[in-house]
Amino acid sequence: MATGILPLPPGDDGLPIIGDTLRLLFDPNLIANKIKKYGPIFRIKYIGYDAPQVIMIGEEANKFILSNENKYFESYLPSSIRRLFGEDVVAIQSGNIHQSRRKILADAFKPRALRKYTFGITKITNKYLKEWENKKSFRLYDQLDSYTFDVASKLLIGIDSASSTDLKKRFSVWEKGVFSLPIMIPGSSYYKGLNSMKESLALIEKIIKSRMDNGPSNMNDILDILLSSIDESGNPLKIDEVKHQILTILLAGHGTLSSSLSSFCMLLGRDEATKLKCREEIYRLKLNENIDYDSLKSAVYLGQVLKEVLRINPPVGGASRKVVQDCEFSGYRLPKGWYVSYSITASHDNKKVYPNNTQFNPSRFSKSSDKKIDQSYSWIPYGGGVRECLGKEFANLEMKIFAICLLSQYDWKLEQTGNIKMGSIPFLYPKDGLPIKFWKT
């Protein structure tokens, strides 16, 4: 492509060495302010990137980035995060190996597997709701963190009540390290994260060896699938890869759902009309009497509500790619060796696509809506392209089951009546933990 005469995207490098890293961590309006100053395409600098990063906002930008991996772009995570993930994980793997692992893991999220998961998710959900009824008043986000970890651990690797085990303790320290500043000194979150990664992997290896000794479970879960799979050379996957894959899948499988479900309860806690409409649909379809995988598809309005929750509060704010071939977009050149990033948050906040964008309005996603926004690159809570979230149907299943069990039996009230401050690391979350009052209806 003839890109040599085109200008580079506007922007600045921020502070020496660290760029805008600290502002990214502590200023929720950083990207919005940059957009006001430079427009929808601008460059920025962060720790972990050895060249400028170009933030690109909008549906066409999202499509350009997400549909051109392996042509102009490749997946990229800073070396500090790669060290805490390991190289043999689907989030980092690329090319044929990445395609092979996605194909293997996809079996765990096909309808036949999701049907098996439905009963287990419902059982764990009702157990937690009963416990919350007895608590009456608590910080919901902390409880959701345990709930989603238990669901992910049970259905993905077959471990009961994992949130009360050493695995969860080690995992939480590792998770904090993944999203911390990479300061390699004793006592730092990053240093602790590296140690906890080793401890977590050792615990997961014990689970793997037990499964290998006792044979596959009846769930055909991710652990079964990984242990029965072969690599590109026709050999079984190495245990080292399996345990690293499991660790990162647990991260994706519970952290994003803790975020999504807390946002669901926060937004509906302020909207009694939507809450009532969801309840009416649940009772009309008799989902309060029996939940099965196929009947969940009929909860159309609840599906619209969950899509709007993910629009307003996407758990992940965006993602980056490395430019591997000079290219151009919207009149700017993107040099090889630079980085590009798409913003889920800014895309979901686009007033041209979402009029009254700050208003919680599930009807945006109704069948009668003029635009099928959820089928476009303007609604991308799960990313897109060859790296679209593998577990998105699992996430949808868990969110629907949680919502139905909650709304059909219980009610809640937010204790905070004003604006709730949100943090974004590791995933979007309420900084106050979302204190609520909770009761059975």
Foldseek 3Di string as FASTA:
>chain_A
DPAVVFAAQADDACDPPAWCAVCVQPPPCVVVVVCVVRNQWHWTHHPLAPFIAIEHEAQVVLCVVQAQDVNFWHADDRPLLCLLLPCLALSNDDDPQNVVVLVLQLVCADPVLLQLLLVVLLVLLVVLQVVQQVVQWDQLLVSLLQSQLQSCCCQALNDHSCCPDVLVVLLVLLQQLSQDDCDCDPPDSVVSNSVSSVVNLVVVLVSLVVCVVVDHDPSCHNSVSLQPDAGPVRHRDDSVSSSSHSSVCSVVRRQQLSQLLLLLQVVCLVPVPLLVVLQVLCVVLVVLPPDGDVSLVSSVLVVLLSLLSCLQFQFAFKRKIAGQPWDDDPRHIDHHSYMYMYTSNSLSQDCVLPPVSNDRDSCCCDPPHPDNCCVGSSRQSQRDHSRRNSNPSVSVSSSSSSSSNDSNWKDKHFPDPDDFDWGCVPTTDGPVSGMMRMHTD
